[in-house]
C-alpha cells in the first residue's frame, strides 16, 4: 500500500504520459493490496488467489515497462510525452502485461496440477503422496535410484 501511495502523490511535473504510466501501476498495486486484504476474511478463495498473484506479477512487469518507456536503456530519446496515441498504446500494453501475468499463473497451475496428480496414489479412501522429488509412475523397481548405494559386505 505504501508503494501505491508513493505513486499517487508523486510529482509528475505536468508530464501526462508519466502520470498515466504511474496511475496504471498504482491501480495494479491497490488491486493486489485489496485482494490480499480480502483473503484475510475469505480464506482459500481461488479467484482471489489468482487475482492477487496475477496483480503482483503485473506490478513487476509493468514497473519494468515504465523504466523502458521513461528512460530507454539504449540511450535514445524517450517517448513523446504529449502524443495521445502513446497513451492509448501503453494502456493496451498494460492489458497485454496482465494477460501475460494470467498466462504465467495458468501455466504454473497446470504444471503444479500435473506434478501433484503424478505423485499421488489412491487406495480406496486413503490418499498416499509420494515424496520423491520428481515422481514418475512408469518406472520399474529396478530402474529407480536409491539414496544410499547397496554394499556387498555387512556392517558389524
N, C-alpha and C. Protein backbone atom coordinates (compact mmCIF):
# COMPACT_ATOMS: atom_id res chain seq x y z
N UNK A 1 0.84 -1.18 0.00
CA UNK A 1 0.00 0.00 0.00
C UNK A 1 0.88 1.25 0.00
N UNK A 2 2.01 1.17 0.70
CA UNK A 2 2.91 2.31 0.77
C UNK A 2 3.42 2.69 -0.62
N UNK A 3 3.76 1.67 -1.43
CA UNK A 3 4.23 1.96 -2.79
C UNK A 3 3.13 2.61 -3.62
N UNK A 4 1.90 2.16 -3.44
CA UNK A 4 0.78 2.77 -4.15
C UNK A 4 0.57 4.22 -3.76
N UNK A 5 0.69 4.50 -2.47
CA UNK A 5 0.55 5.89 -2.02
C UNK A 5 1.69 6.77 -2.54
N UNK A 6 2.89 6.21 -2.62
CA UNK A 6 4.01 6.97 -3.19
C UNK A 6 3.73 7.36 -4.63
N UNK A 7 3.18 6.42 -5.41
CA UNK A 7 2.88 6.73 -6.80
C UNK A 7 1.69 7.67 -6.94
N UNK A 8 0.75 7.63 -6.00
CA UNK A 8 -0.39 8.55 -6.08
C UNK A 8 0.02 9.99 -5.83
N UNK A 9 0.96 10.20 -4.91
CA UNK A 9 1.36 11.56 -4.55
C UNK A 9 2.71 11.95 -5.15
N UNK A 10 3.11 11.27 -6.21
CA UNK A 10 4.37 11.55 -6.90
C UNK A 10 4.22 12.82 -7.74
N UNK A 11 5.26 13.65 -7.80
CA UNK A 11 5.24 14.87 -8.62
C UNK A 11 5.63 14.50 -10.05
N UNK A 12 4.70 14.67 -10.96
CA UNK A 12 4.92 14.27 -12.35
C UNK A 12 5.40 15.41 -13.23
N UNK A 13 5.50 16.58 -12.72
CA UNK A 13 5.94 17.78 -13.45
C UNK A 13 5.18 17.95 -14.76
N UNK A 14 3.87 17.80 -14.71
CA UNK A 14 2.97 18.03 -15.84
C UNK A 14 3.25 17.13 -17.04
N UNK A 15 3.82 15.98 -16.85
CA UNK A 15 4.04 15.02 -17.93
C UNK A 15 2.87 14.04 -17.92
N UNK A 16 2.03 14.13 -18.95
CA UNK A 16 0.81 13.33 -19.00
C UNK A 16 1.13 11.84 -19.11
N UNK A 17 2.11 11.51 -19.93
CA UNK A 17 2.48 10.10 -20.12
C UNK A 17 3.02 9.51 -18.82
N UNK A 18 3.87 10.24 -18.15
CA UNK A 18 4.44 9.78 -16.87
C UNK A 18 3.33 9.55 -15.85
N UNK A 19 2.40 10.49 -15.78
CA UNK A 19 1.28 10.37 -14.84
C UNK A 19 0.41 9.16 -15.18
N UNK A 20 0.16 8.94 -16.46
CA UNK A 20 -0.68 7.82 -16.89
C UNK A 20 -0.01 6.47 -16.55
N UNK A 21 1.29 6.37 -16.83
CA UNK A 21 2.01 5.13 -16.54
C UNK A 21 1.98 4.81 -15.04
N UNK A 22 2.21 5.82 -14.23
CA UNK A 22 2.23 5.59 -12.79
C UNK A 22 0.83 5.36 -12.22
N UNK A 23 -0.20 5.94 -12.83
CA UNK A 23 -1.56 5.66 -12.35
C UNK A 23 -1.96 4.22 -12.67
N UNK A 24 -1.51 3.70 -13.81
CA UNK A 24 -1.77 2.29 -14.11
C UNK A 24 -1.05 1.38 -13.12
N UNK A 25 0.17 1.74 -12.76
CA UNK A 25 0.92 0.96 -11.77
C UNK A 25 0.24 1.03 -10.41
N UNK A 26 -0.23 2.21 -10.03
CA UNK A 26 -0.92 2.35 -8.74
C UNK A 26 -2.20 1.52 -8.72
N UNK A 27 -2.88 1.42 -9.87
CA UNK A 27 -4.08 0.60 -9.95
C UNK A 27 -3.75 -0.87 -9.69
N UNK A 28 -2.65 -1.34 -10.26
CA UNK A 28 -2.23 -2.73 -10.04
C UNK A 28 -1.83 -2.95 -8.58
N UNK A 29 -1.16 -1.97 -7.99
CA UNK A 29 -0.74 -2.09 -6.58
C UNK A 29 -1.95 -2.16 -5.66
N UNK A 30 -2.91 -1.27 -5.86
CA UNK A 30 -4.08 -1.27 -4.99
C UNK A 30 -4.97 -2.49 -5.22
N UNK A 31 -5.01 -3.01 -6.45
CA UNK A 31 -5.77 -4.23 -6.71
C UNK A 31 -5.16 -5.41 -5.95
N UNK A 32 -3.84 -5.51 -5.97
CA UNK A 32 -3.18 -6.58 -5.23
C UNK A 32 -3.36 -6.43 -3.73
N UNK A 33 -3.29 -5.20 -3.24
CA UNK A 33 -3.48 -4.96 -1.80
C UNK A 33 -4.92 -5.28 -1.38
N UNK A 34 -5.88 -4.93 -2.22
CA UNK A 34 -7.28 -5.22 -1.91
C UNK A 34 -7.52 -6.73 -1.87
N UNK A 35 -6.93 -7.45 -2.81
CA UNK A 35 -7.07 -8.92 -2.81
C UNK A 35 -6.43 -9.53 -1.58
N UNK A 36 -5.26 -9.04 -1.21
CA UNK A 36 -4.60 -9.56 -0.01
C UNK A 36 -5.44 -9.29 1.23
N UNK A 37 -6.08 -8.13 1.29
CA UNK A 37 -6.95 -7.81 2.42
C UNK A 37 -8.18 -8.71 2.43
N UNK A 38 -8.79 -8.92 1.27
CA UNK A 38 -9.97 -9.78 1.20
C UNK A 38 -9.64 -11.23 1.54
N UNK A 39 -8.41 -11.65 1.23
CA UNK A 39 -8.01 -13.02 1.54
C UNK A 39 -7.89 -13.27 3.04
N UNK A 40 -7.74 -12.22 3.81
CA UNK A 40 -7.73 -12.39 5.27
C UNK A 40 -9.09 -12.89 5.74
N UNK A 41 -10.15 -12.39 5.12
CA UNK A 41 -11.50 -12.75 5.53
C UNK A 41 -12.06 -13.93 4.75
N UNK A 42 -11.67 -14.09 3.50
CA UNK A 42 -12.15 -15.19 2.66
C UNK A 42 -10.99 -16.12 2.34
N UNK A 43 -10.72 -17.04 3.22
CA UNK A 43 -9.58 -17.95 3.03
C UNK A 43 -9.90 -18.99 1.96
N UNK A 44 -8.84 -19.44 1.28
CA UNK A 44 -8.93 -20.50 0.27
C UNK A 44 -9.93 -20.17 -0.84
N UNK A 45 -9.98 -18.92 -1.23
CA UNK A 45 -10.84 -18.48 -2.34
C UNK A 45 -9.96 -18.41 -3.58
N UNK A 46 -10.17 -19.33 -4.50
CA UNK A 46 -9.24 -19.49 -5.63
C UNK A 46 -9.22 -18.27 -6.55
N UNK A 47 -10.35 -17.62 -6.72
CA UNK A 47 -10.39 -16.44 -7.60
C UNK A 47 -9.56 -15.31 -7.01
N UNK A 48 -9.67 -15.11 -5.71
CA UNK A 48 -8.85 -14.07 -5.06
C UNK A 48 -7.37 -14.40 -5.13
N UNK A 49 -7.04 -15.67 -4.96
CA UNK A 49 -5.63 -16.07 -5.03
C UNK A 49 -5.05 -15.84 -6.42
N UNK A 50 -5.81 -16.18 -7.44
CA UNK A 50 -5.35 -15.97 -8.82
C UNK A 50 -5.23 -14.48 -9.12
N UNK A 51 -6.22 -13.70 -8.71
CA UNK A 51 -6.19 -12.27 -8.98
C UNK A 51 -5.04 -11.58 -8.24
N UNK A 52 -4.80 -11.99 -6.99
CA UNK A 52 -3.69 -11.41 -6.22
C UNK A 52 -2.35 -11.74 -6.85
N UNK A 53 -2.16 -13.00 -7.20
CA UNK A 53 -0.89 -13.41 -7.79
C UNK A 53 -0.65 -12.73 -9.12
N UNK A 54 -1.68 -12.67 -9.95
CA UNK A 54 -1.51 -12.03 -11.26
C UNK A 54 -1.31 -10.52 -11.13
N UNK A 55 -1.92 -9.89 -10.14
CA UNK A 55 -1.70 -8.45 -9.99
C UNK A 55 -0.31 -8.15 -9.46
N UNK A 56 0.25 -9.02 -8.63
CA UNK A 56 1.63 -8.81 -8.18
C UNK A 56 2.62 -9.04 -9.32
N UNK A 57 2.35 -10.02 -10.18
CA UNK A 57 3.19 -10.21 -11.36
C UNK A 57 3.07 -9.02 -12.30
N UNK A 58 1.86 -8.48 -12.42
CA UNK A 58 1.64 -7.30 -13.26
C UNK A 58 2.43 -6.10 -12.74
N UNK A 59 2.49 -5.93 -11.44
CA UNK A 59 3.27 -4.81 -10.87
C UNK A 59 4.72 -4.88 -11.31
N UNK A 60 5.30 -6.05 -11.21
CA UNK A 60 6.71 -6.20 -11.57
C UNK A 60 6.97 -5.96 -13.04
N UNK A 61 6.16 -6.57 -13.90
CA UNK A 61 6.40 -6.40 -15.34
C UNK A 61 6.09 -4.98 -15.79
N UNK A 62 5.07 -4.37 -15.19
CA UNK A 62 4.73 -3.01 -15.59
C UNK A 62 5.77 -2.01 -15.10
N UNK A 63 6.37 -2.25 -13.96
CA UNK A 63 7.44 -1.37 -13.48
C UNK A 63 8.62 -1.41 -14.44
N UNK A 64 8.94 -2.58 -14.96
CA UNK A 64 10.00 -2.68 -15.97
C UNK A 64 9.60 -1.91 -17.23
N UNK A 65 8.34 -2.03 -17.64
CA UNK A 65 7.88 -1.32 -18.83
C UNK A 65 8.00 0.19 -18.63
N UNK A 66 7.66 0.68 -17.45
CA UNK A 66 7.80 2.11 -17.17
C UNK A 66 9.25 2.54 -17.31
N UNK A 67 10.15 1.73 -16.80
CA UNK A 67 11.57 2.05 -16.93
C UNK A 67 12.02 2.13 -18.37
N UNK A 68 11.53 1.23 -19.22
CA UNK A 68 11.91 1.25 -20.62
C UNK A 68 11.28 2.43 -21.36
N UNK A 69 10.09 2.86 -20.95
CA UNK A 69 9.43 3.97 -21.64
C UNK A 69 10.03 5.31 -21.22
N UNK A 70 10.21 5.52 -19.93
CA UNK A 70 10.65 6.84 -19.46
C UNK A 70 12.15 7.08 -19.63
N UNK A 71 12.94 6.06 -19.49
CA UNK A 71 14.39 6.22 -19.72
C UNK A 71 14.88 4.99 -20.47
N UNK A 72 14.84 5.04 -21.80
CA UNK A 72 15.22 3.88 -22.61
C UNK A 72 16.66 3.44 -22.34
N UNK A 73 16.89 2.15 -22.22
CA UNK A 73 18.23 1.67 -21.89
C UNK A 73 19.23 1.83 -23.04
N UNK A 74 18.73 1.99 -24.25
CA UNK A 74 19.64 2.14 -25.39
C UNK A 74 20.12 3.57 -25.55
N UNK A 75 19.65 4.47 -24.71
CA UNK A 75 20.17 5.83 -24.70
C UNK A 75 19.53 6.77 -25.70
N UNK A 76 18.55 6.31 -26.44
CA UNK A 76 17.89 7.16 -27.42
C UNK A 76 16.91 8.11 -26.75
N UNK A 77 16.19 8.86 -27.55
CA UNK A 77 15.19 9.78 -26.98
C UNK A 77 14.03 8.99 -26.38
N UNK A 78 13.44 9.55 -25.35
CA UNK A 78 12.29 8.92 -24.72
C UNK A 78 11.03 9.08 -25.56
N UNK A 79 9.95 8.57 -25.08
CA UNK A 79 8.68 8.65 -25.80
C UNK A 79 8.16 10.09 -25.75
N UNK A 80 7.37 10.45 -26.74
CA UNK A 80 6.76 11.78 -26.78
C UNK A 80 5.69 11.86 -25.69
N UNK A 81 5.90 12.76 -24.73
CA UNK A 81 5.01 12.87 -23.58
C UNK A 81 3.66 13.48 -23.93
N UNK A 82 3.55 14.13 -25.08
CA UNK A 82 2.30 14.83 -25.41
C UNK A 82 1.46 14.10 -26.44
N UNK A 83 1.94 13.03 -27.02
CA UNK A 83 1.21 12.31 -28.07
C UNK A 83 0.12 11.43 -27.43
N UNK A 84 -1.16 11.69 -27.74
CA UNK A 84 -2.24 10.89 -27.13
C UNK A 84 -2.26 9.43 -27.62
N UNK A 85 -1.68 9.16 -28.78
CA UNK A 85 -1.65 7.78 -29.25
C UNK A 85 -0.71 6.93 -28.39
N UNK A 86 0.29 7.56 -27.78
CA UNK A 86 1.16 6.83 -26.86
C UNK A 86 0.38 6.37 -25.62
N UNK A 87 -0.54 7.21 -25.15
CA UNK A 87 -1.37 6.83 -24.00
C UNK A 87 -2.23 5.61 -24.33
N UNK A 88 -2.84 5.63 -25.51
CA UNK A 88 -3.68 4.50 -25.92
C UNK A 88 -2.86 3.24 -26.09
N UNK A 89 -1.70 3.37 -26.72
CA UNK A 89 -0.85 2.20 -26.95
C UNK A 89 -0.36 1.60 -25.63
N UNK A 90 0.05 2.46 -24.71
CA UNK A 90 0.56 1.95 -23.44
C UNK A 90 -0.56 1.38 -22.56
N UNK A 91 -1.78 1.89 -22.69
CA UNK A 91 -2.90 1.27 -21.99
C UNK A 91 -3.16 -0.13 -22.53
N UNK A 92 -3.04 -0.27 -23.85
CA UNK A 92 -3.18 -1.60 -24.45
C UNK A 92 -2.04 -2.51 -23.99
N UNK A 93 -0.83 -1.97 -23.88
CA UNK A 93 0.31 -2.75 -23.38
C UNK A 93 0.08 -3.20 -21.95
N UNK A 94 -0.56 -2.36 -21.15
CA UNK A 94 -0.88 -2.73 -19.77
C UNK A 94 -1.80 -3.95 -19.75
N UNK A 95 -2.79 -3.96 -20.65
CA UNK A 95 -3.69 -5.12 -20.74
C UNK A 95 -2.93 -6.36 -21.19
N UNK A 96 -1.99 -6.20 -22.10
CA UNK A 96 -1.19 -7.34 -22.54
C UNK A 96 -0.29 -7.85 -21.41
N UNK A 97 0.22 -6.95 -20.60
CA UNK A 97 1.02 -7.36 -19.44
C UNK A 97 0.15 -8.18 -18.48
N UNK A 98 -1.10 -7.76 -18.30
CA UNK A 98 -1.98 -8.51 -17.41
C UNK A 98 -2.31 -9.88 -17.98
N UNK A 99 -2.55 -9.95 -19.28
CA UNK A 99 -2.79 -11.25 -19.91
C UNK A 99 -1.56 -12.15 -19.80
N UNK A 100 -0.38 -11.57 -19.93
CA UNK A 100 0.84 -12.34 -19.74
C UNK A 100 0.97 -12.87 -18.32
N UNK A 101 0.61 -12.05 -17.34
CA UNK A 101 0.65 -12.49 -15.94
C UNK A 101 -0.35 -13.62 -15.71
N UNK A 102 -1.54 -13.52 -16.31
CA UNK A 102 -2.51 -14.60 -16.20
C UNK A 102 -2.02 -15.87 -16.88
N UNK A 103 -1.30 -15.73 -17.99
CA UNK A 103 -0.74 -16.90 -18.67
C UNK A 103 0.33 -17.58 -17.81
N UNK A 104 1.15 -16.79 -17.12
CA UNK A 104 2.16 -17.36 -16.22
C UNK A 104 1.48 -18.11 -15.08
N UNK A 105 0.45 -17.52 -14.50
CA UNK A 105 -0.27 -18.17 -13.40
C UNK A 105 -0.94 -19.46 -13.90
N UNK A 106 -1.54 -19.42 -15.09
CA UNK A 106 -2.20 -20.61 -15.64
C UNK A 106 -1.20 -21.72 -15.93
N UNK A 107 -0.06 -21.38 -16.50
CA UNK A 107 0.94 -22.41 -16.79
C UNK A 107 1.53 -23.00 -15.51
N UNK A 108 1.76 -22.17 -14.50
CA UNK A 108 2.23 -22.69 -13.22
C UNK A 108 1.18 -23.59 -12.56
N UNK A 109 -0.08 -23.21 -12.67
CA UNK A 109 -1.15 -24.04 -12.10
C UNK A 109 -1.24 -25.38 -12.81
N UNK A 110 -1.13 -25.36 -14.14
CA UNK A 110 -1.20 -26.61 -14.90
C UNK A 110 -0.02 -27.52 -14.58
N UNK A 111 1.17 -26.95 -14.51
CA UNK A 111 2.36 -27.76 -14.18
C UNK A 111 2.26 -28.32 -12.77
N UNK A 112 1.79 -27.52 -11.84
CA UNK A 112 1.66 -27.99 -10.46
C UNK A 112 0.59 -29.07 -10.35
N UNK A 113 -0.48 -28.94 -11.10
CA UNK A 113 -1.52 -29.98 -11.08
C UNK A 113 -1.01 -31.28 -11.66
N UNK A 114 -0.26 -31.20 -12.76
CA UNK A 114 0.30 -32.42 -13.36
C UNK A 114 1.26 -33.11 -12.39
N UNK A 115 2.12 -32.35 -11.76
CA UNK A 115 3.06 -32.94 -10.80
C UNK A 115 2.32 -33.51 -9.60
N UNK A 116 1.30 -32.83 -9.14
CA UNK A 116 0.54 -33.30 -7.99
C UNK A 116 -0.19 -34.59 -8.31
N UNK A 117 -0.79 -34.69 -9.49
CA UNK A 117 -1.52 -35.90 -9.85
C UNK A 117 -0.58 -37.07 -10.09
N UNK A 118 0.62 -36.82 -10.59
CA UNK A 118 1.55 -37.92 -10.84
C UNK A 118 2.20 -38.42 -9.56
N UNK A 119 2.13 -37.65 -8.48
CA UNK A 119 2.77 -38.05 -7.22
C UNK A 119 1.75 -38.55 -6.19
N UNK A 120 0.52 -38.83 -6.61
CA UNK A 120 -0.49 -39.29 -5.66
C UNK A 120 -0.99 -40.67 -6.07
N UNK A 121 -1.11 -41.54 -5.10
CA UNK A 121 -1.70 -42.85 -5.29
C UNK A 121 -2.96 -42.91 -4.43
N UNK A 122 -3.99 -43.61 -4.92
CA UNK A 122 -5.22 -43.72 -4.15
C UNK A 122 -5.50 -45.19 -3.87
N UNK A 123 -5.70 -45.50 -2.61
CA UNK A 123 -6.09 -46.83 -2.18
C UNK A 123 -7.45 -46.70 -1.50
N UNK A 124 -8.51 -46.81 -2.25
CA UNK A 124 -9.84 -46.63 -1.68
C UNK A 124 -10.06 -45.18 -1.28
N UNK A 125 -10.27 -44.96 0.01
CA UNK A 125 -10.49 -43.61 0.52
C UNK A 125 -9.22 -42.96 1.04
N UNK A 126 -8.09 -43.66 0.95
CA UNK A 126 -6.84 -43.16 1.51
C UNK A 126 -5.98 -42.60 0.39
N UNK A 127 -5.53 -41.37 0.55
CA UNK A 127 -4.61 -40.75 -0.41
C UNK A 127 -3.19 -40.89 0.12
N UNK A 128 -2.30 -41.37 -0.73
CA UNK A 128 -0.90 -41.51 -0.36
C UNK A 128 -0.09 -40.62 -1.29
N UNK A 129 0.69 -39.73 -0.72
CA UNK A 129 1.52 -38.84 -1.52
C UNK A 129 2.95 -39.33 -1.51
N UNK A 130 3.51 -39.48 -2.70
CA UNK A 130 4.89 -39.92 -2.82
C UNK A 130 5.80 -38.71 -2.73
N UNK A 131 6.78 -38.76 -1.87
CA UNK A 131 7.70 -37.65 -1.69
C UNK A 131 9.07 -38.06 -2.22
N UNK A 132 9.20 -38.00 -3.54
CA UNK A 132 10.47 -38.47 -4.12
C UNK A 132 11.01 -37.47 -5.14
N UNK A 133 10.75 -36.21 -4.98
CA UNK A 133 11.27 -35.22 -5.92
C UNK A 133 10.44 -35.19 -7.18
N UNK A 134 10.88 -35.89 -8.19
CA UNK A 134 10.14 -35.96 -9.45
C UNK A 134 9.51 -37.33 -9.54
N UNK A 135 8.21 -37.40 -9.42
CA UNK A 135 7.50 -38.68 -9.39
C UNK A 135 7.13 -39.08 -10.81
N UNK A 136 7.52 -40.27 -11.18
CA UNK A 136 7.14 -40.83 -12.47
C UNK A 136 6.55 -42.21 -12.21
N UNK A 137 5.31 -42.42 -12.61
CA UNK A 137 4.66 -43.70 -12.32
C UNK A 137 5.17 -44.83 -13.19
N UNK A 138 5.75 -44.53 -14.33
CA UNK A 138 6.14 -45.56 -15.27
C UNK A 138 7.44 -46.27 -14.92
N UNK A 139 8.10 -45.91 -13.87
CA UNK A 139 9.38 -46.52 -13.52
C UNK A 139 9.18 -47.91 -12.94
N UNK A 140 10.12 -48.77 -13.19
CA UNK A 140 10.11 -50.09 -12.56
C UNK A 140 10.97 -50.03 -11.31
N UNK A 141 10.87 -51.08 -10.51
CA UNK A 141 11.60 -51.07 -9.24
C UNK A 141 13.11 -51.11 -9.47
N UNK A 142 13.55 -51.81 -10.51
CA UNK A 142 14.98 -51.91 -10.76
C UNK A 142 15.59 -50.64 -11.30
N UNK A 143 14.81 -49.80 -11.98
CA UNK A 143 15.36 -48.59 -12.57
C UNK A 143 15.36 -47.41 -11.61
N UNK A 144 14.70 -47.56 -10.47
CA UNK A 144 14.62 -46.46 -9.51
C UNK A 144 15.93 -46.37 -8.74
N UNK A 145 16.50 -45.19 -8.69
CA UNK A 145 17.75 -44.99 -7.96
C UNK A 145 17.51 -44.97 -6.46
N UNK A 146 18.49 -45.32 -5.70
CA UNK A 146 18.36 -45.30 -4.25
C UNK A 146 19.25 -44.20 -3.68
N UNK A 147 18.91 -43.79 -2.49
CA UNK A 147 19.68 -42.72 -1.86
C UNK A 147 21.04 -43.21 -1.39
N UNK A 148 21.10 -44.42 -0.84
CA UNK A 148 22.36 -44.98 -0.37
C UNK A 148 22.70 -46.20 -1.21
N UNK A 149 23.92 -46.29 -1.71
CA UNK A 149 24.27 -47.45 -2.52
C UNK A 149 24.33 -48.71 -1.66
N UNK A 150 23.93 -49.82 -2.28
CA UNK A 150 23.96 -51.08 -1.55
C UNK A 150 25.40 -51.56 -1.43
N UNK A 151 25.74 -52.08 -0.26
CA UNK A 151 27.11 -52.57 -0.06
C UNK A 151 27.11 -54.10 -0.14
N UNK A 152 28.22 -54.65 -0.56
CA UNK A 152 28.32 -56.10 -0.72
C UNK A 152 28.73 -56.79 0.57
N UNK A 153 29.14 -56.04 1.55
CA UNK A 153 29.51 -56.65 2.83
C UNK A 153 28.63 -56.09 3.92
N UNK A 154 28.47 -56.84 4.99
CA UNK A 154 27.60 -56.44 6.08
C UNK A 154 28.36 -55.63 7.11
N UNK A 155 27.68 -54.64 7.69
CA UNK A 155 28.29 -53.87 8.78
C UNK A 155 28.26 -54.70 10.06
N UNK A 156 29.35 -54.68 10.80
CA UNK A 156 29.42 -55.47 12.04
C UNK A 156 29.57 -54.60 13.24
